C-alpha cells in the first residue's frame, strides 16, 4: 500500500468547522450567562476546548492515511 499524507487543506477545513461551531456556542452563551449569572466560566470553557482541539488538529501532521490500490481490492486475502 502507498501512503498518502493529509494535506494542509484538511487542517484548514477542520479548523474552520471547529471554530464555526465554537462561534455558535459562544453566541448561545450570551443569554445563558444573563439567566444563570455563571460569569465567564462557560465561554472560557468553550474557548479552551476549541483551542485544544485546534492544536490537536495541527499537531497531527505526522499521521499518514493508507491509499488503497487496485491490487489490494483484487486480493482481499493478503494481509501484508
PDB file of N, CA and C in Angstrom:
ATOM      1  N   UNK A   1       0.830  -1.188   0.000  1.00  0.00           N
ATOM      2  CA  UNK A   1       0.000   0.000   0.000  1.00  0.00           C
ATOM      3  C   UNK A   1       0.872   1.248   0.000  1.00  0.00           C
ATOM      4  N   UNK A   2       0.419   2.235  -0.711  1.00  0.00           N
ATOM      5  CA  UNK A   2       1.103   3.514  -0.711  1.00  0.00           C
ATOM      6  C   UNK A   2       0.532   4.380   0.403  1.00  0.00           C
ATOM      7  N   UNK A   3       1.356   5.259   0.931  1.00  0.00           N
ATOM      8  CA  UNK A   3       0.889   6.175   1.969  1.00  0.00           C
ATOM      9  C   UNK A   3       0.638   7.550   1.375  1.00  0.00           C
ATOM     10  N   UNK A   4      -0.458   8.156   1.783  1.00  0.00           N
ATOM     11  CA  UNK A   4      -0.804   9.500   1.325  1.00  0.00           C
ATOM     12  C   UNK A   4      -0.990  10.370   2.558  1.00  0.00           C
ATOM     13  N   UNK A   5      -0.237  11.453   2.644  1.00  0.00           N
ATOM     14  CA  UNK A   5      -0.358  12.324   3.816  1.00  0.00           C
ATOM     15  C   UNK A   5      -1.548  13.249   3.650  1.00  0.00           C
ATOM     16  N   UNK A   6      -2.164  13.579   4.780  1.00  0.00           N
ATOM     17  CA  UNK A   6      -3.276  14.536   4.735  1.00  0.00           C
ATOM     18  C   UNK A   6      -2.686  15.931   4.586  1.00  0.00           C
ATOM     19  N   UNK A   7      -3.234  16.693   3.669  1.00  0.00           N
ATOM     20  CA  UNK A   7      -2.664  17.995   3.335  1.00  0.00           C
ATOM     21  C   UNK A   7      -3.114  19.103   4.256  1.00  0.00           C
ATOM     22  N   UNK A   8      -2.619  20.294   3.938  1.00  0.00           N
ATOM     23  CA  UNK A   8      -2.929  21.460   4.751  1.00  0.00           C
ATOM     24  C   UNK A   8      -4.384  21.878   4.565  1.00  0.00           C
ATOM     25  N   UNK A   9      -4.982  21.540   3.425  1.00  0.00           N
ATOM     26  CA  UNK A   9      -6.386  21.868   3.194  1.00  0.00           C
ATOM     27  C   UNK A   9      -7.300  21.168   4.186  1.00  0.00           C
ATOM     28  N   UNK A  10      -6.951  19.943   4.528  1.00  0.00           N
ATOM     29  CA  UNK A  10      -7.708  19.202   5.526  1.00  0.00           C
ATOM     30  C   UNK A  10      -7.659  19.910   6.882  1.00  0.00           C
ATOM     31  N   UNK A  11      -6.497  20.392   7.242  1.00  0.00           N
ATOM     32  CA  UNK A  11      -6.343  21.076   8.530  1.00  0.00           C
ATOM     33  C   UNK A  11      -7.102  22.396   8.560  1.00  0.00           C
ATOM     34  N   UNK A  12      -7.043  23.137   7.468  1.00  0.00           N
ATOM     35  CA  UNK A  12      -7.751  24.410   7.402  1.00  0.00           C
ATOM     36  C   UNK A  12      -9.253  24.183   7.461  1.00  0.00           C
ATOM     37  N   UNK A  13      -9.740  23.196   6.729  1.00  0.00           N
ATOM     38  CA  UNK A  13     -11.165  22.890   6.739  1.00  0.00           C
ATOM     39  C   UNK A  13     -11.652  22.438   8.103  1.00  0.00           C
ATOM     40  N   UNK A  14     -10.884  21.574   8.749  1.00  0.00           N
ATOM     41  CA  UNK A  14     -11.256  21.100  10.076  1.00  0.00           C
ATOM     42  C   UNK A  14     -11.229  22.236  11.090  1.00  0.00           C
ATOM     43  N   UNK A  15     -10.223  23.091  11.000  1.00  0.00           N
ATOM     44  CA  UNK A  15     -10.143  24.240  11.904  1.00  0.00           C
ATOM     45  C   UNK A  15     -11.331  25.179  11.694  1.00  0.00           C
ATOM     46  N   UNK A  16     -11.725  25.385  10.450  1.00  0.00           N
ATOM     47  CA  UNK A  16     -12.876  26.250  10.166  1.00  0.00           C
ATOM     48  C   UNK A  16     -14.158  25.675  10.759  1.00  0.00           C
ATOM     49  N   UNK A  17     -14.333  24.363  10.667  1.00  0.00           N
ATOM     50  CA  UNK A  17     -15.514  23.725  11.241  1.00  0.00           C
ATOM     51  C   UNK A  17     -15.506  23.853  12.763  1.00  0.00           C
ATOM     52  N   UNK A  18     -14.364  23.591  13.377  1.00  0.00           N
ATOM     53  CA  UNK A  18     -14.252  23.678  14.840  1.00  0.00           C
ATOM     54  C   UNK A  18     -14.599  25.081  15.318  1.00  0.00           C
ATOM     55  N   UNK A  19     -13.995  26.100  14.699  1.00  0.00           N
ATOM     56  CA  UNK A  19     -14.224  27.469  15.147  1.00  0.00           C
ATOM     57  C   UNK A  19     -15.617  27.966  14.752  1.00  0.00           C
ATOM     58  N   UNK A  20     -16.197  27.414  13.691  1.00  0.00           N
ATOM     59  CA  UNK A  20     -17.570  27.759  13.341  1.00  0.00           C
ATOM     60  C   UNK A  20     -18.547  27.314  14.421  1.00  0.00           C
ATOM     61  N   UNK A  21     -18.375  26.076  14.886  1.00  0.00           N
ATOM     62  CA  UNK A  21     -19.215  25.590  15.979  1.00  0.00           C
ATOM     63  C   UNK A  21     -18.942  26.362  17.271  1.00  0.00           C
ATOM     64  N   UNK A  22     -17.690  26.717  17.508  1.00  0.00           N
ATOM     65  CA  UNK A  22     -17.358  27.468  18.721  1.00  0.00           C
ATOM     66  C   UNK A  22     -18.012  28.848  18.710  1.00  0.00           C
ATOM     67  N   UNK A  23     -18.069  29.478  17.538  1.00  0.00           N
ATOM     68  CA  UNK A  23     -18.738  30.773  17.441  1.00  0.00           C
ATOM     69  C   UNK A  23     -20.214  30.651  17.793  1.00  0.00           C
ATOM     70  N   UNK A  24     -20.851  29.592  17.308  1.00  0.00           N
ATOM     71  CA  UNK A  24     -22.246  29.345  17.661  1.00  0.00           C
ATOM     72  C   UNK A  24     -22.430  29.102  19.150  1.00  0.00           C
ATOM     73  N   UNK A  25     -21.516  28.341  19.737  1.00  0.00           N
ATOM     74  CA  UNK A  25     -21.610  28.080  21.179  1.00  0.00           C
ATOM     75  C   UNK A  25     -21.411  29.358  21.986  1.00  0.00           C
ATOM     76  N   UNK A  26     -20.508  30.215  21.542  1.00  0.00           N
ATOM     77  CA  UNK A  26     -20.313  31.486  22.240  1.00  0.00           C
ATOM     78  C   UNK A  26     -21.544  32.375  22.122  1.00  0.00           C
ATOM     79  N   UNK A  27     -22.217  32.326  20.966  1.00  0.00           N
ATOM     80  CA  UNK A  27     -23.446  33.101  20.812  1.00  0.00           C
ATOM     81  C   UNK A  27     -24.544  32.577  21.737  1.00  0.00           C
ATOM     82  N   UNK A  28     -24.595  31.282  21.932  1.00  0.00           N
ATOM     83  CA  UNK A  28     -25.579  30.694  22.838  1.00  0.00           C
ATOM     84  C   UNK A  28     -25.235  31.026  24.291  1.00  0.00           C
ATOM     85  N   UNK A  29     -23.969  31.221  24.581  1.00  0.00           N
ATOM     86  CA  UNK A  29     -23.537  31.534  25.947  1.00  0.00           C
ATOM     87  C   UNK A  29     -24.075  32.878  26.436  1.00  0.00           C
ATOM     88  N   UNK A  30     -24.295  33.835  25.527  1.00  0.00           N
ATOM     89  CA  UNK A  30     -24.715  35.186  25.937  1.00  0.00           C
ATOM     90  C   UNK A  30     -26.019  35.158  26.731  1.00  0.00           C
ATOM     91  N   UNK A  31     -27.100  34.544  26.221  1.00  0.00           N
ATOM     92  CA  UNK A  31     -28.320  34.529  27.033  1.00  0.00           C
ATOM     93  C   UNK A  31     -28.229  33.601  28.245  1.00  0.00           C
ATOM     94  N   UNK A  32     -27.451  32.544  28.127  1.00  0.00           N
ATOM     95  CA  UNK A  32     -27.323  31.618  29.261  1.00  0.00           C
ATOM     96  C   UNK A  32     -26.629  32.303  30.429  1.00  0.00           C
ATOM     97  N   UNK A  33     -25.610  33.104  30.153  1.00  0.00           N
ATOM     98  CA  UNK A  33     -24.890  33.809  31.220  1.00  0.00           C
ATOM     99  C   UNK A  33     -25.807  34.804  31.915  1.00  0.00           C
ATOM    100  N   UNK A  34     -26.625  35.516  31.134  1.00  0.00           N
ATOM    101  CA  UNK A  34     -27.508  36.509  31.753  1.00  0.00           C
ATOM    102  C   UNK A  34     -28.598  35.842  32.600  1.00  0.00           C
ATOM    103  N   UNK A  35     -29.016  34.644  32.225  1.00  0.00           N
ATOM    104  CA  UNK A  35     -30.049  33.944  33.002  1.00  0.00           C
ATOM    105  C   UNK A  35     -29.477  33.285  34.255  1.00  0.00           C
ATOM    106  N   UNK A  36     -28.299  32.700  34.149  1.00  0.00           N
ATOM    107  CA  UNK A  36     -27.744  31.945  35.272  1.00  0.00           C
ATOM    108  C   UNK A  36     -26.769  32.747  36.120  1.00  0.00           C
ATOM    109  N   UNK A  37     -26.173  33.764  35.555  1.00  0.00           N
ATOM    110  CA  UNK A  37     -25.192  34.549  36.307  1.00  0.00           C
ATOM    111  C   UNK A  37     -23.910  33.773  36.578  1.00  0.00           C
ATOM    112  N   UNK A  38     -23.555  32.847  35.676  1.00  0.00           N
ATOM    113  CA  UNK A  38     -22.381  31.999  35.893  1.00  0.00           C
ATOM    114  C   UNK A  38     -21.066  32.707  35.579  1.00  0.00           C
ATOM    115  N   UNK A  39     -21.125  33.858  34.976  1.00  0.00           N
ATOM    116  CA  UNK A  39     -19.894  34.594  34.687  1.00  0.00           C
ATOM    117  C   UNK A  39     -19.204  34.094  33.447  1.00  0.00           C
ATOM    118  N   UNK A  40     -17.891  34.116  33.469  1.00  0.00           N
ATOM    119  CA  UNK A  40     -17.100  33.784  32.283  1.00  0.00           C
ATOM    120  C   UNK A  40     -16.701  32.313  32.208  1.00  0.00           C
ATOM    121  N   UNK A  41     -17.217  31.489  33.097  1.00  0.00           N
ATOM    122  CA  UNK A  41     -16.800  30.084  33.127  1.00  0.00           C
ATOM    123  C   UNK A  41     -17.195  29.355  31.845  1.00  0.00           C
ATOM    124  N   UNK A  42     -18.431  29.508  31.406  1.00  0.00           N
ATOM    125  CA  UNK A  42     -18.902  28.789  30.218  1.00  0.00           C
ATOM    126  C   UNK A  42     -18.199  29.246  28.938  1.00  0.00           C
ATOM    127  N   UNK A  43     -18.104  30.553  28.650  1.00  0.00           N
ATOM    128  CA  UNK A  43     -17.371  30.948  27.441  1.00  0.00           C
ATOM    129  C   UNK A  43     -15.889  30.586  27.498  1.00  0.00           C
ATOM    130  N   UNK A  44     -15.312  30.642  28.664  1.00  0.00           N
ATOM    131  CA  UNK A  44     -13.911  30.262  28.808  1.00  0.00           C
ATOM    132  C   UNK A  44     -13.717  28.782  28.502  1.00  0.00           C
ATOM    133  N   UNK A  45     -14.654  27.949  28.948  1.00  0.00           N
ATOM    134  CA  UNK A  45     -14.575  26.515  28.655  1.00  0.00           C
ATOM    135  C   UNK A  45     -14.692  26.255  27.155  1.00  0.00           C
ATOM    136  N   UNK A  46     -15.549  27.009  26.477  1.00  0.00           N
ATOM    137  CA  UNK A  46     -15.689  26.864  25.023  1.00  0.00           C
ATOM    138  C   UNK A  46     -14.392  27.239  24.323  1.00  0.00           C
ATOM    139  N   UNK A  47     -13.799  28.350  24.715  1.00  0.00           N
ATOM    140  CA  UNK A  47     -12.565  28.809  24.069  1.00  0.00           C
ATOM    141  C   UNK A  47     -11.405  27.859  24.332  1.00  0.00           C
ATOM    142  N   UNK A  48     -11.287  27.375  25.564  1.00  0.00           N
ATOM    143  CA  UNK A  48     -10.201  26.442  25.899  1.00  0.00           C
ATOM    144  C   UNK A  48     -10.363  25.125  25.134  1.00  0.00           C
ATOM    145  N   UNK A  49     -11.583  24.606  25.083  1.00  0.00           N
ATOM    146  CA  UNK A  49     -11.828  23.359  24.355  1.00  0.00           C
ATOM    147  C   UNK A  49     -11.561  23.501  22.870  1.00  0.00           C
ATOM    148  N   UNK A  50     -11.957  24.621  22.308  1.00  0.00           N
ATOM    149  CA  UNK A  50     -11.725  24.869  20.888  1.00  0.00           C
ATOM    150  C   UNK A  50     -10.240  25.021  20.592  1.00  0.00           C
ATOM    151  N   UNK A  51      -9.533  25.699  21.457  1.00  0.00           N
ATOM    152  CA  UNK A  51      -8.089  25.874  21.272  1.00  0.00           C
ATOM    153  C   UNK A  51      -7.366  24.540  21.336  1.00  0.00           C
ATOM    154  N   UNK A  52      -7.729  23.718  22.296  1.00  0.00           N
ATOM    155  CA  UNK A  52      -7.092  22.395  22.416  1.00  0.00           C
ATOM    156  C   UNK A  52      -7.392  21.546  21.184  1.00  0.00           C
ATOM    157  N   UNK A  53      -8.632  21.591  20.706  1.00  0.00           N
ATOM    158  CA  UNK A  53      -8.994  20.825  19.511  1.00  0.00           C
ATOM    159  C   UNK A  53      -8.199  21.287  18.289  1.00  0.00           C
ATOM    160  N   UNK A  54      -8.027  22.588  18.154  1.00  0.00           N
ATOM    161  CA  UNK A  54      -7.272  23.128  17.034  1.00  0.00           C
ATOM    162  C   UNK A  54      -5.808  22.717  17.109  1.00  0.00           C
ATOM    163  N   UNK A  55      -5.235  22.740  18.295  1.00  0.00           N
ATOM    164  CA  UNK A  55      -3.842  22.327  18.460  1.00  0.00           C
ATOM    165  C   UNK A  55      -3.674  20.860  18.090  1.00  0.00           C
ATOM    166  N   UNK A  56      -4.613  20.024  18.500  1.00  0.00           N
ATOM    167  CA  UNK A  56      -4.538  18.594  18.168  1.00  0.00           C
ATOM    168  C   UNK A  56      -4.594  18.390  16.660  1.00  0.00           C
ATOM    169  N   UNK A  57      -5.459  19.128  15.971  1.00  0.00           N
ATOM    170  CA  UNK A  57      -5.556  19.001  14.512  1.00  0.00           C
ATOM    171  C   UNK A  57      -4.242  19.393  13.854  1.00  0.00           C
ATOM    172  N   UNK A  58      -3.637  20.497  14.268  1.00  0.00           N
ATOM    173  CA  UNK A  58      -2.425  20.977  13.613  1.00  0.00           C
ATOM    174  C   UNK A  58      -1.182  20.183  13.995  1.00  0.00           C
ATOM    175  N   UNK A  59      -1.200  19.503  15.140  1.00  0.00           N
ATOM    176  CA  UNK A  59      -0.040  18.687  15.511  1.00  0.00           C
ATOM    177  C   UNK A  59      -0.127  17.266  14.971  1.00  0.00           C
ATOM    178  N   UNK A  60      -1.226  16.913  14.339  1.00  0.00           N
ATOM    179  CA  UNK A  60      -1.381  15.561  13.823  1.00  0.00           C
ATOM    180  C   UNK A  60      -0.793  15.421  12.426  1.00  0.00           C
ATOM    181  N   UNK A  61       0.230  16.186  12.107  1.00  0.00           N
ATOM    182  CA  UNK A  61       0.802  16.185  10.760  1.00  0.00           C
ATOM    183  C   UNK A  61       1.604  14.932  10.447  1.00  0.00           C
ATOM    184  N   UNK A  62       2.075  14.211  11.424  1.00  0.00           N
ATOM    185  CA  UNK A  62       2.869  13.022  11.177  1.00  0.00           C
ATOM    186  C   UNK A  62       2.062  11.807  10.793  1.00  0.00           C
ATOM    187  N   UNK A  63       0.764  11.901  10.845  1.00  0.00           N
ATOM    188  CA  UNK A  63      -0.094  10.760  10.523  1.00  0.00           C
ATOM    189  C   UNK A  63      -0.228  10.614   9.016  1.00  0.00           C
ATOM    190  N   UNK A  64      -0.265   9.371   8.551  1.00  0.00           N
ATOM    191  CA  UNK A  64      -0.469   9.111   7.135  1.00  0.00           C
ATOM    192  C   UNK A  64      -1.685   8.219   6.966  1.00  0.00           C
ATOM    193  N   UNK A  65      -2.348   8.371   5.847  1.00  0.00           N
ATOM    194  CA  UNK A  65      -3.510   7.567   5.530  1.00  0.00           C
ATOM    195  C   UNK A  65      -3.130   6.554   4.461  1.00  0.00           C
ATOM    196  N   UNK A  66      -3.478   5.274   4.650  1.00  0.00           N
ATOM    197  CA  UNK A  66      -3.136   4.289   3.623  1.00  0.00           C
ATOM    198  C   UNK A  66      -3.988   4.492   2.370  1.00  0.00           C
ATOM    199  N   UNK A  67      -3.351   4.393   1.219  1.00  0.00           N
ATOM    200  CA  UNK A  67      -4.057   4.543  -0.047  1.00  0.00           C
ATOM    201  C   UNK A  67      -4.326   3.149  -0.601  1.00  0.00           C
ATOM    202  N   UNK A  68      -5.577   2.857  -0.875  1.00  0.00           N
ATOM    203  CA  UNK A  68      -5.959   1.542  -1.383  1.00  0.00           C
ATOM    204  C   UNK A  68      -5.728   1.526  -2.884  1.00  0.00           C
ATOM    205  N   UNK A  69      -4.994   0.528  -3.346  1.00  0.00           N
ATOM    206  CA  UNK A  69      -4.726   0.393  -4.770  1.00  0.00           C
ATOM    207  C   UNK A  69      -5.600  -0.707  -5.345  1.00  0.00           C
ATOM    208  N   UNK A  70      -5.598  -0.821  -6.661  1.00  0.00           N
ATOM    209  CA  UNK A  70      -6.407  -1.849  -7.327  1.00  0.00           C
ATOM    210  C   UNK A  70      -5.910  -3.243  -6.950  1.00  0.00           C
ATOM    211  N   UNK A  71      -4.634  -3.372  -6.737  1.00  0.00           N
ATOM    212  CA  UNK A  71      -4.066  -4.658  -6.344  1.00  0.00           C
ATOM    213  C   UNK A  71      -4.643  -5.110  -4.997  1.00  0.00           C
ATOM    214  N   UNK A  72      -4.822  -4.174  -4.060  1.00  0.00           N
ATOM    215  CA  UNK A  72      -5.373  -4.507  -2.749  1.00  0.00           C
ATOM    216  C   UNK A  72      -6.841  -4.915  -2.834  1.00  0.00           C
ATOM    217  N   UNK A  73      -7.595  -4.325  -3.754  1.00  0.00           N
ATOM    218  CA  UNK A  73      -9.010  -4.664  -3.863  1.00  0.00           C
ATOM    219  C   UNK A  73      -9.240  -5.978  -4.561  1.00  0.00           C
ATOM    220  N   UNK A  74      -8.293  -6.410  -5.417  1.00  0.00           N
ATOM    221  CA  UNK A  74      -8.438  -7.675  -6.135  1.00  0.00           C
ATOM    222  C   UNK A  74      -8.072  -8.871  -5.277  1.00  0.00           C
ATOM    223  N   UNK A  75      -7.247  -8.680  -4.245  1.00  0.00           N
ATOM    224  CA  UNK A  75      -6.792  -9.793  -3.423  1.00  0.00           C
ATOM    225  C   UNK A  75      -7.072  -9.470  -1.959  1.00  0.00           C
ATOM    226  N   UNK A  76      -8.320  -9.673  -1.492  1.00  0.00           N
ATOM    227  CA  UNK A  76      -8.645  -9.309  -0.119  1.00  0.00           C
ATOM    228  C   UNK A  76      -8.032 -10.221   0.943  1.00  0.00           C
ATOM    229  N   UNK A  77      -7.507 -11.406   0.520  1.00  0.00           N
ATOM    230  CA  UNK A  77      -6.936 -12.334   1.494  1.00  0.00           C
ATOM    231  C   UNK A  77      -5.520 -11.989   1.891  1.00  0.00           C
ATOM    232  N   UNK A  78      -4.858 -11.084   1.166  1.00  0.00           N
ATOM    233  CA  UNK A  78      -3.475 -10.735   1.525  1.00  0.00           C
ATOM    234  C   UNK A  78      -3.472  -9.860   2.770  1.00  0.00           C
ATOM    235  N   UNK A  79      -2.615 -10.208   3.715  1.00  0.00           N
ATOM    236  CA  UNK A  79      -2.547  -9.463   4.976  1.00  0.00           C
ATOM    237  C   UNK A  79      -1.202  -8.808   5.167  1.00  0.00           C
ATOM    238  N   UNK A  80      -0.579  -8.341   4.088  1.00  0.00           N
ATOM    239  CA  UNK A  80       0.737  -7.713   4.215  1.00  0.00           C
ATOM    240  C   UNK A  80       0.683  -6.257   4.311  1.00  0.00           C
TER     241      UNK A  80
END
